[in-house]
Amino acid sequence: MLPSSVTETASLLAAGGYVADTALATTVFLALSMRRPLFLEGEPGTGKTEIAKVLAAGLNRRLVRLQCYDGLDLAAAAYEWDHARQLMMIRIAEAAGTVDRHTLAGDIYSREFLQPRPLLSAIDPDQPPAVLLIDELDRADEPFEAFLLEVLADFQLTIPEYGTVHAAVPPVVVLTSNRTREVHDAIRRRCLYHWVDYPDARRERQILARKAPGVSEKLSAEIVAFVQRLRSEDLFKLPGVAETIDWASALTHLDQHELAPEAVDETLGVLLKYQDDIAKIKGAEAARLVGEVRAAAAA
């Protein structure tokens, strides 16, 4: 059963631990209701992939994930023929003296020898309904996007030697991109689009309360205030929500009950992932940011 309203969609996401704003919940609801792919774009660590995971759990569907990378091709993404078994069948038919070219071609290009990869698995009519996550599409080569158009538009896949496979129940499709390159307009036109931004302080505290419930309210407020200020700095890679959660857990493991410059310096590697960023913040800059957080809390 799909949610019947934006409120139900927000509740479904919240039940999975995802705190969504109204705009995101509305886009997800429309994508589900209109049976359109959902294209989520944004900075790394803003929770795009997590939406697909939460939808799969909330809708009680299997999650089929296609992790994109440079050089991804049709054999890895959609399907592949089991050439070793096909060759063995040809040898057996030759040995038995029963080789009929047309019959044999139909036999070796049957479903028995077809090995499904994520795209075919997600629309396989013999499998339970799925949530198809096409993760980090911007990492794949541009020509690969052409392979996706048939699946995104019609929830089907044409295999020249076999035929067309149609989904009995259209999968929920979620595409994500970190915008390392522009995704082609043909993909965008087939999807509903939403930019997933860093959350504001209020929503980030709600996320932290769900994902790291062991963190005290005081420390949680200081962590979020520090990270929000850090995102206004000129850094190579700004910390995402995932880093905020990890940092809160790390400080809790160190028995920290409030932010201190020394503790910040010692744990910056949890929050920032590049040495140049750590060197820029460590020391006086970290102390200044901690001072601002404490002054704002006192005010």
C-alpha atoms as a PDB file:
ATOM      1  CA  MET A   1       0.000   0.000   0.000  1.00  0.00           C
ATOM      2  CA  LEU A   2       1.321   3.406  -0.990  1.00  0.00           C
ATOM      3  CA  PRO A   3       0.720   6.459   1.225  1.00  0.00           C
ATOM      4  CA  SER A   4      -2.403   8.392   0.267  1.00  0.00           C
ATOM      5  CA  SER A   5      -1.276  11.865   1.327  1.00  0.00           C
ATOM      6  CA  VAL A   6       1.751  14.029   2.008  1.00  0.00           C
ATOM      7  CA  THR A   7       1.139  13.601   5.732  1.00  0.00           C
ATOM      8  CA  GLU A   8       1.171   9.816   5.427  1.00  0.00           C
ATOM      9  CA  THR A   9       4.350  10.018   3.370  1.00  0.00           C
ATOM     10  CA  ALA A  10       6.048  12.159   6.011  1.00  0.00           C
ATOM     11  CA  SER A  11       4.901   9.684   8.670  1.00  0.00           C
ATOM     12  CA  LEU A  12       6.259   6.753   6.647  1.00  0.00           C
ATOM     13  CA  LEU A  13       9.640   8.457   6.368  1.00  0.00           C
ATOM     14  CA  ALA A  14       9.604   9.428  10.039  1.00  0.00           C
ATOM     15  CA  ALA A  15       8.824   5.838  11.051  1.00  0.00           C
ATOM     16  CA  GLY A  16      12.053   4.853   9.310  1.00  0.00           C
ATOM     17  CA  GLY A  17      14.002   7.508  11.167  1.00  0.00           C
ATOM     18  CA  TYR A  18      14.082  10.035   8.318  1.00  0.00           C
ATOM     19  CA  VAL A  19      13.062  13.589   9.210  1.00  0.00           C
ATOM     20  CA  ALA A  20      11.776  15.161   5.983  1.00  0.00           C
ATOM     21  CA  ASP A  21      10.585  18.708   5.395  1.00  0.00           C
ATOM     22  CA  THR A  22       7.243  19.330   3.693  1.00  0.00           C
ATOM     23  CA  ALA A  23       8.754  19.953   0.255  1.00  0.00           C
ATOM     24  CA  LEU A  24      10.609  16.646   0.244  1.00  0.00           C
ATOM     25  CA  ALA A  25       7.628  14.698   1.598  1.00  0.00           C
ATOM     26  CA  THR A  26       5.449  16.245  -1.118  1.00  0.00           C
ATOM     27  CA  THR A  27       7.855  15.283  -3.903  1.00  0.00           C
ATOM     28  CA  VAL A  28       8.163  11.725  -2.588  1.00  0.00           C
ATOM     29  CA  PHE A  29       4.357  11.433  -2.328  1.00  0.00           C
ATOM     30  CA  LEU A  30       3.889  12.653  -5.894  1.00  0.00           C
ATOM     31  CA  ALA A  31       6.563  10.282  -7.213  1.00  0.00           C
ATOM     32  CA  LEU A  32       4.823   7.348  -5.527  1.00  0.00           C
ATOM     33  CA  SER A  33       1.325   8.402  -6.585  1.00  0.00           C
ATOM     34  CA  MET A  34       2.225   9.245 -10.175  1.00  0.00           C
ATOM     35  CA  ARG A  35       4.560   6.236 -10.491  1.00  0.00           C
ATOM     36  CA  ARG A  36       7.398   8.442 -11.636  1.00  0.00           C
ATOM     37  CA  PRO A  37      11.103   8.015 -10.830  1.00  0.00           C
ATOM     38  CA  LEU A  38      12.414  10.318  -8.107  1.00  0.00           C
ATOM     39  CA  PHE A  39      15.659  12.157  -8.901  1.00  0.00           C
ATOM     40  CA  LEU A  40      17.432  13.435  -5.789  1.00  0.00           C
ATOM     41  CA  GLU A  41      20.377  15.752  -6.212  1.00  0.00           C
ATOM     42  CA  GLY A  42      22.507  17.380  -3.555  1.00  0.00           C
ATOM     43  CA  GLU A  43      25.809  17.461  -1.714  1.00  0.00           C
ATOM     44  CA  PRO A  44      27.241  14.181  -0.384  1.00  0.00           C
ATOM     45  CA  GLY A  45      26.017  13.249   3.070  1.00  0.00           C
ATOM     46  CA  THR A  46      22.640  14.982   2.914  1.00  0.00           C
ATOM     47  CA  GLY A  47      20.613  11.757   3.145  1.00  0.00           C
ATOM     48  CA  LYS A  48      19.651  11.030  -0.468  1.00  0.00           C
ATOM     49  CA  THR A  49      20.468   7.322  -0.404  1.00  0.00           C
ATOM     50  CA  GLU A  50      18.773   6.915   2.967  1.00  0.00           C
ATOM     51  CA  ILE A  51      15.421   7.924   1.444  1.00  0.00           C
ATOM     52  CA  ALA A  52      15.435   4.854  -0.814  1.00  0.00           C
ATOM     53  CA  LYS A  53      16.342   2.589   2.110  1.00  0.00           C
ATOM     54  CA  VAL A  54      13.559   4.000   4.262  1.00  0.00           C
ATOM     55  CA  LEU A  55      11.012   3.679   1.436  1.00  0.00           C
ATOM     56  CA  ALA A  56      11.971   0.027   0.888  1.00  0.00           C
ATOM     57  CA  ALA A  57      11.519  -0.741   4.582  1.00  0.00           C
ATOM     58  CA  GLY A  58       8.338   1.328   4.959  1.00  0.00           C
ATOM     59  CA  LEU A  59       6.683  -0.112   1.834  1.00  0.00           C
ATOM     60  CA  ASN A  60       7.852  -3.643   2.656  1.00  0.00           C
ATOM     61  CA  ARG A  61       9.680  -3.977  -0.653  1.00  0.00           C
ATOM     62  CA  ARG A  62      13.068  -5.435  -1.458  1.00  0.00           C
ATOM     63  CA  LEU A  63      15.793  -2.860  -2.076  1.00  0.00           C
ATOM     64  CA  VAL A  64      17.660  -3.322  -5.365  1.00  0.00           C
ATOM     65  CA  ARG A  65      20.712  -1.081  -5.481  1.00  0.00           C
ATOM     66  CA  LEU A  66      22.740  -0.164  -8.549  1.00  0.00           C
ATOM     67  CA  GLN A  67      25.895   1.598  -7.388  1.00  0.00           C
ATOM     68  CA  CYS A  68      27.202   3.616 -10.311  1.00  0.00           C
ATOM     69  CA  TYR A  69      30.878   4.010 -11.140  1.00  0.00           C
ATOM     70  CA  ASP A  70      33.108   5.012 -14.020  1.00  0.00           C
ATOM     71  CA  GLY A  71      32.987   2.302 -16.699  1.00  0.00           C
ATOM     72  CA  LEU A  72      29.646   0.793 -15.630  1.00  0.00           C
ATOM     73  CA  ASP A  73      28.160  -1.108 -18.581  1.00  0.00           C
ATOM     74  CA  LEU A  74      24.998  -2.993 -19.496  1.00  0.00           C
ATOM     75  CA  ALA A  75      26.387  -6.368 -18.392  1.00  0.00           C
ATOM     76  CA  ALA A  76      26.950  -5.107 -14.847  1.00  0.00           C
ATOM     77  CA  ALA A  77      23.817  -2.972 -14.641  1.00  0.00           C
ATOM     78  CA  ALA A  78      21.062  -4.872 -16.471  1.00  0.00           C
ATOM     79  CA  TYR A  79      21.735  -8.472 -17.488  1.00  0.00           C
ATOM     80  CA  GLU A  80      24.339 -10.908 -18.750  1.00  0.00           C
ATOM     81  CA  TRP A  81      24.155 -14.231 -20.552  1.00  0.00           C
ATOM     82  CA  ASP A  82      25.758 -17.253 -18.895  1.00  0.00           C
ATOM     83  CA  HIS A  83      28.128 -17.939 -21.772  1.00  0.00           C
ATOM     84  CA  ALA A  84      29.854 -20.872 -20.096  1.00  0.00           C
ATOM     85  CA  ARG A  85      26.585 -22.798 -19.674  1.00  0.00           C
ATOM     86  CA  GLN A  86      25.424 -21.843 -23.171  1.00  0.00           C
ATOM     87  CA  LEU A  87      28.638 -23.228 -24.656  1.00  0.00           C
ATOM     88  CA  MET A  88      28.275 -26.401 -22.620  1.00  0.00           C
ATOM     89  CA  MET A  89      24.739 -26.911 -23.956  1.00  0.00           C
ATOM     90  CA  ILE A  90      25.972 -26.456 -27.535  1.00  0.00           C
ATOM     91  CA  ARG A  91      28.691 -29.060 -26.970  1.00  0.00           C
ATOM     92  CA  ILE A  92      26.181 -31.501 -25.496  1.00  0.00           C
ATOM     93  CA  ALA A  93      23.815 -31.000 -28.449  1.00  0.00           C
ATOM     94  CA  GLU A  94      26.662 -31.518 -30.914  1.00  0.00           C
ATOM     95  CA  ALA A  95      27.765 -34.697 -29.148  1.00  0.00           C
ATOM     96  CA  ALA A  96      24.196 -36.024 -29.233  1.00  0.00           C
ATOM     97  CA  GLY A  97      23.908 -35.209 -32.924  1.00  0.00           C
ATOM     98  CA  THR A  98      20.682 -33.269 -32.409  1.00  0.00           C
ATOM     99  CA  VAL A  99      21.875 -29.824 -33.469  1.00  0.00           C
ATOM    100  CA  ASP A 100      19.123 -27.752 -35.061  1.00  0.00           C
ATOM    101  CA  ARG A 101      20.265 -24.170 -35.394  1.00  0.00           C
ATOM    102  CA  HIS A 102      16.897 -22.476 -34.788  1.00  0.00           C
ATOM    103  CA  THR A 103      15.847 -24.746 -31.953  1.00  0.00           C
ATOM    104  CA  LEU A 104      19.222 -24.508 -30.282  1.00  0.00           C
ATOM    105  CA  ALA A 105      19.239 -20.702 -30.528  1.00  0.00           C
ATOM    106  CA  GLY A 106      15.881 -20.612 -28.760  1.00  0.00           C
ATOM    107  CA  ASP A 107      17.142 -22.976 -26.086  1.00  0.00           C
ATOM    108  CA  ILE A 108      20.384 -21.201 -25.236  1.00  0.00           C
ATOM    109  CA  TYR A 109      18.737 -17.752 -25.201  1.00  0.00           C
ATOM    110  CA  SER A 110      16.070 -18.752 -22.715  1.00  0.00           C
ATOM    111  CA  ARG A 111      15.471 -17.407 -19.208  1.00  0.00           C
ATOM    112  CA  GLU A 112      17.453 -20.313 -17.808  1.00  0.00           C
ATOM    113  CA  PHE A 113      20.689 -18.770 -19.087  1.00  0.00           C
ATOM    114  CA  LEU A 114      19.838 -15.132 -18.323  1.00  0.00           C
ATOM    115  CA  GLN A 115      21.657 -13.683 -15.330  1.00  0.00           C
ATOM    116  CA  PRO A 116      19.795 -10.643 -13.949  1.00  0.00           C
ATOM    117  CA  ARG A 117      21.650  -7.604 -12.683  1.00  0.00           C
ATOM    118  CA  PRO A 118      19.989  -4.756 -10.712  1.00  0.00           C
ATOM    119  CA  LEU A 119      17.945  -3.175 -13.535  1.00  0.00           C
ATOM    120  CA  LEU A 120      16.467  -6.475 -14.708  1.00  0.00           C
ATOM    121  CA  SER A 121      16.019  -7.750 -11.157  1.00  0.00           C
ATOM    122  CA  ALA A 122      13.985  -4.675 -10.194  1.00  0.00           C
ATOM    123  CA  ILE A 123      11.432  -5.228 -12.982  1.00  0.00           C
ATOM    124  CA  ASP A 124      11.440  -9.034 -12.926  1.00  0.00           C
ATOM    125  CA  PRO A 125       7.734 -10.063 -12.895  1.00  0.00           C
ATOM    126  CA  ASP A 126       8.656 -13.268 -11.051  1.00  0.00           C
ATOM    127  CA  GLN A 127      10.188 -11.317  -8.149  1.00  0.00           C
ATOM    128  CA  PRO A 128       8.408  -9.360  -5.361  1.00  0.00           C
ATOM    129  CA  PRO A 129       7.956  -5.605  -5.899  1.00  0.00           C
ATOM    130  CA  ALA A 130      11.121  -3.560  -5.457  1.00  0.00           C
ATOM    131  CA  VAL A 131      12.563  -0.155  -4.705  1.00  0.00           C
ATOM    132  CA  LEU A 132      15.260   0.437  -7.324  1.00  0.00           C
ATOM    133  CA  LEU A 133      18.052   2.714  -6.101  1.00  0.00           C
ATOM    134  CA  ILE A 134      20.333   4.028  -8.861  1.00  0.00           C
ATOM    135  CA  ASP A 135      22.951   5.588  -6.616  1.00  0.00           C
ATOM    136  CA  GLU A 136      25.381   8.322  -7.636  1.00  0.00           C
ATOM    137  CA  LEU A 137      24.400   8.372 -11.293  1.00  0.00           C
ATOM    138  CA  ASP A 138      26.828  11.228 -11.896  1.00  0.00           C
ATOM    139  CA  ARG A 139      29.725   8.801 -11.344  1.00  0.00           C
ATOM    140  CA  ALA A 140      28.758   6.714 -14.377  1.00  0.00           C
ATOM    141  CA  ASP A 141      29.742   7.621 -17.929  1.00  0.00           C
ATOM    142  CA  GLU A 142      27.270   9.803 -19.829  1.00  0.00           C
ATOM    143  CA  PRO A 143      26.516   7.118 -22.504  1.00  0.00           C
ATOM    144  CA  PHE A 144      25.323   4.791 -19.742  1.00  0.00           C
ATOM    145  CA  GLU A 145      22.327   7.061 -19.126  1.00  0.00           C
ATOM    146  CA  ALA A 146      20.847   5.924 -22.454  1.00  0.00           C
ATOM    147  CA  PHE A 147      20.480   2.401 -21.021  1.00  0.00           C
ATOM    148  CA  LEU A 148      18.198   3.772 -18.306  1.00  0.00           C
ATOM    149  CA  LEU A 149      15.649   5.563 -20.455  1.00  0.00           C
ATOM    150  CA  GLU A 150      13.487   2.528 -21.275  1.00  0.00           C
ATOM    151  CA  VAL A 151      13.410   1.409 -17.644  1.00  0.00           C
ATOM    152  CA  LEU A 152      12.575   4.885 -16.338  1.00  0.00           C
ATOM    153  CA  ALA A 153       9.869   5.589 -18.909  1.00  0.00           C
ATOM    154  CA  ASP A 154       8.093   2.236 -19.254  1.00  0.00           C
ATOM    155  CA  PHE A 155       9.468   0.012 -16.451  1.00  0.00           C
ATOM    156  CA  GLN A 156      10.562  -2.514 -19.039  1.00  0.00           C
ATOM    157  CA  LEU A 157      13.801  -3.785 -20.539  1.00  0.00           C
ATOM    158  CA  THR A 158      14.275  -5.069 -24.077  1.00  0.00           C
ATOM    159  CA  ILE A 159      16.776  -7.912 -24.500  1.00  0.00           C
ATOM    160  CA  PRO A 160      17.455  -8.449 -28.216  1.00  0.00           C
ATOM    161  CA  GLU A 161      17.963 -12.231 -28.014  1.00  0.00           C
ATOM    162  CA  TYR A 162      15.102 -12.823 -25.586  1.00  0.00           C
ATOM    163  CA  GLY A 163      12.377 -10.206 -25.784  1.00  0.00           C
ATOM    164  CA  THR A 164      10.958  -7.487 -23.574  1.00  0.00           C
ATOM    165  CA  VAL A 165      10.615  -7.952 -19.824  1.00  0.00           C
ATOM    166  CA  HIS A 166       7.805  -5.914 -18.242  1.00  0.00           C
ATOM    167  CA  ALA A 167       7.395  -5.206 -14.537  1.00  0.00           C
ATOM    168  CA  ALA A 168       4.229  -6.748 -13.089  1.00  0.00           C
ATOM    169  CA  VAL A 169       4.318  -4.075 -10.361  1.00  0.00           C
ATOM    170  CA  PRO A 170       6.301  -0.956 -11.328  1.00  0.00           C
ATOM    171  CA  PRO A 171       9.247  -0.472  -8.986  1.00  0.00           C
ATOM    172  CA  VAL A 172       9.702   2.669  -6.949  1.00  0.00           C
ATOM    173  CA  VAL A 173      12.764   4.228  -8.591  1.00  0.00           C
ATOM    174  CA  VAL A 174      15.109   6.600  -6.766  1.00  0.00           C
ATOM    175  CA  LEU A 175      18.088   8.145  -8.558  1.00  0.00           C
ATOM    176  CA  THR A 176      20.720  10.123  -6.683  1.00  0.00           C
ATOM    177  CA  SER A 177      23.458  12.462  -7.856  1.00  0.00           C
ATOM    178  CA  ASN A 178      26.163  14.409  -6.035  1.00  0.00           C
ATOM    179  CA  ARG A 179      26.376  16.734  -9.055  1.00  0.00           C
ATOM    180  CA  THR A 180      29.997  16.006  -9.922  1.00  0.00           C
ATOM    181  CA  ARG A 181      28.699  16.383 -13.485  1.00  0.00           C
ATOM    182  CA  GLU A 182      25.389  17.340 -15.051  1.00  0.00           C
ATOM    183  CA  VAL A 183      22.923  14.514 -15.701  1.00  0.00           C
ATOM    184  CA  HIS A 184      21.332  14.584 -19.169  1.00  0.00           C
ATOM    185  CA  ASP A 185      17.963  16.291 -19.706  1.00  0.00           C
ATOM    186  CA  ALA A 186      16.465  13.033 -21.040  1.00  0.00           C
ATOM    187  CA  ILE A 187      16.856  11.511 -17.569  1.00  0.00           C
ATOM    188  CA  ARG A 188      15.559  14.608 -15.793  1.00  0.00           C
ATOM    189  CA  ARG A 189      12.416  14.802 -17.947  1.00  0.00           C
ATOM    190  CA  ARG A 190      11.381  11.312 -16.899  1.00  0.00           C
ATOM    191  CA  CYS A 191      11.719  12.055 -13.189  1.00  0.00           C
ATOM    192  CA  LEU A 192      10.338  14.241 -10.449  1.00  0.00           C
ATOM    193  CA  TYR A 193      13.205  16.333  -9.091  1.00  0.00           C
ATOM    194  CA  HIS A 194      14.192  17.467  -5.613  1.00  0.00           C
ATOM    195  CA  TRP A 195      17.337  19.149  -4.347  1.00  0.00           C
ATOM    196  CA  VAL A 196      18.286  17.681  -0.962  1.00  0.00           C
ATOM    197  CA  ASP A 197      20.049  20.436   0.947  1.00  0.00           C
ATOM    198  CA  TYR A 198      21.751  20.472   4.317  1.00  0.00           C
ATOM    199  CA  PRO A 199      19.072  20.653   7.033  1.00  0.00           C
ATOM    200  CA  ASP A 200      18.538  23.734   9.146  1.00  0.00           C
ATOM    201  CA  ALA A 201      19.485  23.597  12.831  1.00  0.00           C
ATOM    202  CA  ARG A 202      16.026  22.596  14.034  1.00  0.00           C
ATOM    203  CA  ARG A 203      15.705  19.671  11.642  1.00  0.00           C
ATOM    204  CA  GLU A 204      19.290  18.548  12.206  1.00  0.00           C
ATOM    205  CA  ARG A 205      18.638  18.368  15.946  1.00  0.00           C
ATOM    206  CA  GLN A 206      15.562  16.239  15.237  1.00  0.00           C
ATOM    207  CA  ILE A 207      17.678  13.941  13.044  1.00  0.00           C
ATOM    208  CA  LEU A 208      20.334  13.682  15.734  1.00  0.00           C
ATOM    209  CA  ALA A 209      17.717  12.842  18.349  1.00  0.00           C
ATOM    210  CA  ARG A 210      16.546   9.907  16.196  1.00  0.00           C
ATOM    211  CA  LYS A 211      19.901   8.650  14.982  1.00  0.00           C
ATOM    212  CA  ALA A 212      21.954   9.217  18.138  1.00  0.00           C
ATOM    213  CA  PRO A 213      19.481   9.086  21.027  1.00  0.00           C
ATOM    214  CA  GLY A 214      22.260   8.570  23.594  1.00  0.00           C
ATOM    215  CA  VAL A 215      23.611  12.099  23.071  1.00  0.00           C
ATOM    216  CA  SER A 216      22.523  14.577  25.740  1.00  0.00           C
ATOM    217  CA  GLU A 217      20.297  17.458  24.710  1.00  0.00           C
ATOM    218  CA  LYS A 218      22.927  20.038  25.662  1.00  0.00           C
ATOM    219  CA  LEU A 219      25.703  18.349  23.677  1.00  0.00           C
ATOM    220  CA  SER A 220      23.364  17.752  20.741  1.00  0.00           C
ATOM    221  CA  ALA A 221      22.461  21.457  20.577  1.00  0.00           C
ATOM    222  CA  GLU A 222      26.134  22.475  20.718  1.00  0.00           C
ATOM    223  CA  ILE A 223      27.158  19.937  18.070  1.00  0.00           C
ATOM    224  CA  VAL A 224      24.485  21.116  15.655  1.00  0.00           C
ATOM    225  CA  ALA A 225      25.314  24.771  16.262  1.00  0.00           C
ATOM    226  CA  PHE A 226      29.017  24.076  15.648  1.00  0.00           C
ATOM    227  CA  VAL A 227      28.355  22.112  12.435  1.00  0.00           C
ATOM    228  CA  GLN A 228      25.953  24.758  11.142  1.00  0.00           C
ATOM    229  CA  ARG A 229      28.669  27.395  11.587  1.00  0.00           C
ATOM    230  CA  LEU A 230      31.272  25.090  10.054  1.00  0.00           C
ATOM    231  CA  ARG A 231      29.203  24.816   6.867  1.00  0.00           C
ATOM    232  CA  SER A 232      29.598  28.565   6.340  1.00  0.00           C
ATOM    233  CA  GLU A 233      33.392  28.171   6.221  1.00  0.00           C
ATOM    234  CA  ASP A 234      35.314  27.898   2.963  1.00  0.00           C
ATOM    235  CA  LEU A 235      36.148  24.186   3.105  1.00  0.00           C
ATOM    236  CA  PHE A 236      36.913  21.640   0.404  1.00  0.00           C
ATOM    237  CA  LYS A 237      34.246  19.251   1.723  1.00  0.00           C
ATOM    238  CA  LEU A 238      31.548  20.452   4.101  1.00  0.00           C
ATOM    239  CA  PRO A 239      30.365  17.939   6.721  1.00  0.00           C
ATOM    240  CA  GLY A 240      27.088  16.195   5.916  1.00  0.00           C
ATOM    241  CA  VAL A 241      24.412  14.891   8.248  1.00  0.00           C
ATOM    242  CA  ALA A 242      26.146  11.507   8.388  1.00  0.00           C
ATOM    243  CA  GLU A 243      29.287  13.201   9.737  1.00  0.00           C
ATOM    244  CA  THR A 244      27.225  15.080  12.323  1.00  0.00           C
ATOM    245  CA  ILE A 245      25.787  11.798  13.596  1.00  0.00           C
ATOM    246  CA  ASP A 246      29.211  10.116  13.672  1.00  0.00           C
ATOM    247  CA  TRP A 247      30.761  13.068  15.488  1.00  0.00           C
ATOM    248  CA  ALA A 248      28.018  13.077  18.126  1.00  0.00           C
ATOM    249  CA  SER A 249      28.576   9.364  18.729  1.00  0.00           C
ATOM    250  CA  ALA A 250      32.343   9.854  18.912  1.00  0.00           C
ATOM    251  CA  LEU A 251      32.079  12.635  21.495  1.00  0.00           C
ATOM    252  CA  THR A 252      29.674  10.499  23.538  1.00  0.00           C
ATOM    253  CA  HIS A 253      32.154   7.591  23.486  1.00  0.00           C
ATOM    254  CA  LEU A 254      34.764  10.006  24.865  1.00  0.00           C
ATOM    255  CA  ASP A 255      32.378  10.947  27.720  1.00  0.00           C
ATOM    256  CA  GLN A 256      32.084  14.537  26.548  1.00  0.00           C
ATOM    257  CA  HIS A 257      29.029  16.353  27.901  1.00  0.00           C
ATOM    258  CA  GLU A 258      29.738  19.693  26.230  1.00  0.00           C
ATOM    259  CA  LEU A 259      31.930  20.984  23.455  1.00  0.00           C
ATOM    260  CA  ALA A 260      35.487  21.883  24.391  1.00  0.00           C
ATOM    261  CA  PRO A 261      38.185  23.133  22.001  1.00  0.00           C
ATOM    262  CA  GLU A 262      40.514  20.280  22.938  1.00  0.00           C
ATOM    263  CA  ALA A 263      37.877  17.627  22.249  1.00  0.00           C
ATOM    264  CA  VAL A 264      37.014  19.292  18.937  1.00  0.00           C
ATOM    265  CA  ASP A 265      40.666  19.289  17.840  1.00  0.00           C
ATOM    266  CA  GLU A 266      41.068  15.619  18.753  1.00  0.00           C
ATOM    267  CA  THR A 267      37.966  14.479  16.847  1.00  0.00           C
ATOM    268  CA  LEU A 268      37.978  16.683  13.739  1.00  0.00           C
ATOM    269  CA  GLY A 269      38.886  13.620  11.666  1.00  0.00           C
ATOM    270  CA  VAL A 270      35.388  12.279  12.314  1.00  0.00           C
ATOM    271  CA  LEU A 271      33.776  15.462  11.036  1.00  0.00           C
ATOM    272  CA  LEU A 272      36.142  16.530   8.242  1.00  0.00           C
ATOM    273  CA  LYS A 273      37.730  14.177   5.715  1.00  0.00           C
ATOM    274  CA  TYR A 274      40.511  16.268   4.179  1.00  0.00           C
ATOM    275  CA  GLN A 275      43.733  17.275   5.911  1.00  0.00           C
ATOM    276  CA  ASP A 276      43.644  20.813   4.501  1.00  0.00           C
ATOM    277  CA  ASP A 277      40.192  21.335   6.042  1.00  0.00           C
ATOM    278  CA  ILE A 278      41.310  19.910   9.387  1.00  0.00           C
ATOM    279  CA  ALA A 279      44.421  22.120   9.441  1.00  0.00           C
ATOM    280  CA  LYS A 280      42.306  25.174   8.658  1.00  0.00           C
ATOM    281  CA  ILE A 281      39.837  24.585  11.513  1.00  0.00           C
ATOM    282  CA  LYS A 282      42.067  23.010  14.158  1.00  0.00           C
ATOM    283  CA  GLY A 283      43.309  25.248  16.957  1.00  0.00           C
ATOM    284  CA  ALA A 284      42.299  28.896  17.046  1.00  0.00           C
ATOM    285  CA  GLU A 285      39.452  28.576  14.527  1.00  0.00           C
ATOM    286  CA  ALA A 286      37.898  25.660  16.422  1.00  0.00           C
ATOM    287  CA  ALA A 287      38.200  27.584  19.674  1.00  0.00           C
ATOM    288  CA  ARG A 288      36.508  30.601  18.082  1.00  0.00           C
ATOM    289  CA  LEU A 289      33.611  28.511  16.807  1.00  0.00           C
ATOM    290  CA  VAL A 290      33.174  26.820  20.197  1.00  0.00           C
ATOM    291  CA  GLY A 291      33.157  30.274  21.817  1.00  0.00           C
ATOM    292  CA  GLU A 292      30.445  31.444  19.421  1.00  0.00           C
ATOM    293  CA  VAL A 293      28.343  28.362  20.181  1.00  0.00           C
ATOM    294  CA  ARG A 294      28.610  28.890  23.931  1.00  0.00           C
ATOM    295  CA  ALA A 295      27.856  32.615  23.623  1.00  0.00           C
ATOM    296  CA  ALA A 296      24.782  31.908  21.533  1.00  0.00           C
ATOM    297  CA  ALA A 297      23.610  29.286  24.037  1.00  0.00           C
ATOM    298  CA  ALA A 298      24.083  31.709  26.926  1.00  0.00           C
ATOM    299  CA  ALA A 299      22.154  34.414  25.084  1.00  0.00           C
END
